[in-house]
Amino acid sequence: MLVLTRRIGEAIFVGDKIVITVLRTEGNKTRLGIEAPVHVSVDREEVRNRGGVQGTDLLLVEQTREHRRRKMNLKEKPYAFASHRK
């Protein structure tokens, strides 16, 4: 396991197409922003452990996927994290 320290606003790149950014910290909670291509599945541990997504979680996942698809269709930003690319 690679262990990294990041401050608010700092990012971690996973390969060429995934960016994880620290957005906020409050006590023992950290809010992360994850930008990845549509075909990459990003799940919370508890969702993955319960064997899938159901009910209202499924609706949220579908809305998120649709939002990501729309972002991917923009010609000037082929990836959601294009602003981080060199």
C-alpha atoms as a PDB file:
ATOM      1  CA  MET A   1       0.000   0.000   0.000  1.00  0.00           C
ATOM      2  CA  LEU A   2       1.266   3.441  -0.932  1.00  0.00           C
ATOM      3  CA  VAL A   3       0.566   6.009   1.817  1.00  0.00           C
ATOM      4  CA  LEU A   4       0.565   9.692   0.872  1.00  0.00           C
ATOM      5  CA  THR A   5      -0.040  12.935   2.741  1.00  0.00           C
ATOM      6  CA  ARG A   6      -2.017  15.639   0.936  1.00  0.00           C
ATOM      7  CA  ARG A   7      -3.390  19.029   1.916  1.00  0.00           C
ATOM      8  CA  ILE A   8      -6.725  20.531   0.881  1.00  0.00           C
ATOM      9  CA  GLY A   9      -6.657  21.275  -2.835  1.00  0.00           C
ATOM     10  CA  GLU A  10      -3.785  18.889  -3.568  1.00  0.00           C
ATOM     11  CA  ALA A  11      -4.273  15.947  -5.926  1.00  0.00           C
ATOM     12  CA  ILE A  12      -3.060  12.407  -6.500  1.00  0.00           C
ATOM     13  CA  PHE A  13      -2.888  11.017 -10.031  1.00  0.00           C
ATOM     14  CA  VAL A  14      -3.576   7.326 -10.642  1.00  0.00           C
ATOM     15  CA  GLY A  15      -2.268   6.495 -14.085  1.00  0.00           C
ATOM     16  CA  ASP A  16      -3.051   9.044 -16.774  1.00  0.00           C
ATOM     17  CA  LYS A  17      -6.807   9.262 -16.384  1.00  0.00           C
ATOM     18  CA  ILE A  18      -7.742   9.272 -12.690  1.00  0.00           C
ATOM     19  CA  VAL A  19      -7.320  12.231 -10.334  1.00  0.00           C
ATOM     20  CA  ILE A  20      -8.143  12.182  -6.612  1.00  0.00           C
ATOM     21  CA  THR A  21      -8.308  15.620  -4.975  1.00  0.00           C
ATOM     22  CA  VAL A  22      -8.647  16.441  -1.266  1.00  0.00           C
ATOM     23  CA  LEU A  23     -11.610  18.843  -1.099  1.00  0.00           C
ATOM     24  CA  ARG A  24     -12.236  19.272   2.619  1.00  0.00           C
ATOM     25  CA  THR A  25     -11.416  17.844   6.027  1.00  0.00           C
ATOM     26  CA  GLU A  26     -13.633  18.041   9.120  1.00  0.00           C
ATOM     27  CA  GLY A  27     -12.450  16.271  12.244  1.00  0.00           C
ATOM     28  CA  ASN A  28     -11.839  12.642  11.288  1.00  0.00           C
ATOM     29  CA  LYS A  29     -13.651  12.941   7.919  1.00  0.00           C
ATOM     30  CA  THR A  30     -12.076  13.778   4.585  1.00  0.00           C
ATOM     31  CA  ARG A  31     -14.038  14.709   1.462  1.00  0.00           C
ATOM     32  CA  LEU A  32     -12.390  13.551  -1.754  1.00  0.00           C
ATOM     33  CA  GLY A  33     -13.175  14.412  -5.362  1.00  0.00           C
ATOM     34  CA  ILE A  34     -12.516  11.589  -7.830  1.00  0.00           C
ATOM     35  CA  GLU A  35     -12.353  12.287 -11.550  1.00  0.00           C
ATOM     36  CA  ALA A  36     -12.212   9.225 -13.794  1.00  0.00           C
ATOM     37  CA  PRO A  37     -13.347   8.068 -17.225  1.00  0.00           C
ATOM     38  CA  VAL A  38     -16.935   6.815 -17.436  1.00  0.00           C
ATOM     39  CA  HIS A  39     -15.847   3.177 -17.856  1.00  0.00           C
ATOM     40  CA  VAL A  40     -14.009   3.184 -14.492  1.00  0.00           C
ATOM     41  CA  SER A  41     -16.155   2.060 -11.567  1.00  0.00           C
ATOM     42  CA  VAL A  42     -15.684   4.126  -8.395  1.00  0.00           C
ATOM     43  CA  ASP A  43     -17.433   2.745  -5.293  1.00  0.00           C
ATOM     44  CA  ARG A  44     -17.390   3.369  -1.574  1.00  0.00           C
ATOM     45  CA  GLU A  45     -16.197   0.371   0.446  1.00  0.00           C
ATOM     46  CA  GLU A  46     -19.588  -0.228   2.087  1.00  0.00           C
ATOM     47  CA  VAL A  47     -21.353  -0.263  -1.299  1.00  0.00           C
ATOM     48  CA  ARG A  48     -18.904  -2.772  -2.724  1.00  0.00           C
ATOM     49  CA  ASN A  49     -19.057  -4.964   0.416  1.00  0.00           C
ATOM     50  CA  ARG A  50     -22.837  -5.304   0.358  1.00  0.00           C
ATOM     51  CA  GLY A  51     -22.661  -6.836  -3.097  1.00  0.00           C
ATOM     52  CA  GLY A  52     -24.001  -4.126  -5.309  1.00  0.00           C
ATOM     53  CA  VAL A  53     -26.061  -1.011  -5.487  1.00  0.00           C
ATOM     54  CA  GLN A  54     -29.795  -1.013  -4.847  1.00  0.00           C
ATOM     55  CA  GLY A  55     -32.744   1.364  -4.472  1.00  0.00           C
ATOM     56  CA  THR A  56     -31.961   5.052  -4.076  1.00  0.00           C
ATOM     57  CA  ASP A  57     -28.222   4.357  -4.311  1.00  0.00           C
ATOM     58  CA  LEU A  58     -28.801   2.924  -7.783  1.00  0.00           C
ATOM     59  CA  LEU A  59     -30.615   6.104  -8.861  1.00  0.00           C
ATOM     60  CA  LEU A  60     -27.732   8.226  -7.548  1.00  0.00           C
ATOM     61  CA  VAL A  61     -25.188   6.052  -9.365  1.00  0.00           C
ATOM     62  CA  GLU A  62     -27.124   6.336 -12.632  1.00  0.00           C
ATOM     63  CA  GLN A  63     -27.439  10.122 -12.277  1.00  0.00           C
ATOM     64  CA  THR A  64     -23.706  10.380 -11.589  1.00  0.00           C
ATOM     65  CA  ARG A  65     -22.865   8.194 -14.584  1.00  0.00           C
ATOM     66  CA  GLU A  66     -25.104  10.292 -16.834  1.00  0.00           C
ATOM     67  CA  HIS A  67     -23.451  13.480 -15.580  1.00  0.00           C
ATOM     68  CA  ARG A  68     -20.012  12.001 -16.290  1.00  0.00           C
ATOM     69  CA  ARG A  69     -21.130  10.903 -19.784  1.00  0.00           C
ATOM     70  CA  ARG A  70     -22.256  14.444 -20.585  1.00  0.00           C
ATOM     71  CA  LYS A  71     -18.911  15.835 -19.395  1.00  0.00           C
ATOM     72  CA  MET A  72     -17.069  13.314 -21.584  1.00  0.00           C
ATOM     73  CA  ASN A  73     -18.990  14.484 -24.670  1.00  0.00           C
ATOM     74  CA  LEU A  74     -17.633  18.034 -24.447  1.00  0.00           C
ATOM     75  CA  LYS A  75     -15.123  18.494 -27.273  1.00  0.00           C
ATOM     76  CA  GLU A  76     -12.867  20.947 -25.421  1.00  0.00           C
ATOM     77  CA  LYS A  77     -12.548  18.627 -22.381  1.00  0.00           C
ATOM     78  CA  PRO A  78     -12.497  14.968 -23.452  1.00  0.00           C
ATOM     79  CA  TYR A  79     -11.867  13.928 -19.838  1.00  0.00           C
ATOM     80  CA  ALA A  80     -13.396  15.345 -16.698  1.00  0.00           C
ATOM     81  CA  PHE A  81      -9.918  16.247 -15.434  1.00  0.00           C
ATOM     82  CA  ALA A  82      -8.605  17.939 -18.587  1.00  0.00           C
ATOM     83  CA  SER A  83      -7.712  21.061 -16.595  1.00  0.00           C
ATOM     84  CA  HIS A  84      -5.095  19.002 -14.695  1.00  0.00           C
ATOM     85  CA  ARG A  85      -3.357  17.752 -17.834  1.00  0.00           C
ATOM     86  CA  LYS A  86      -0.102  19.280 -19.046  1.00  0.00           C
END
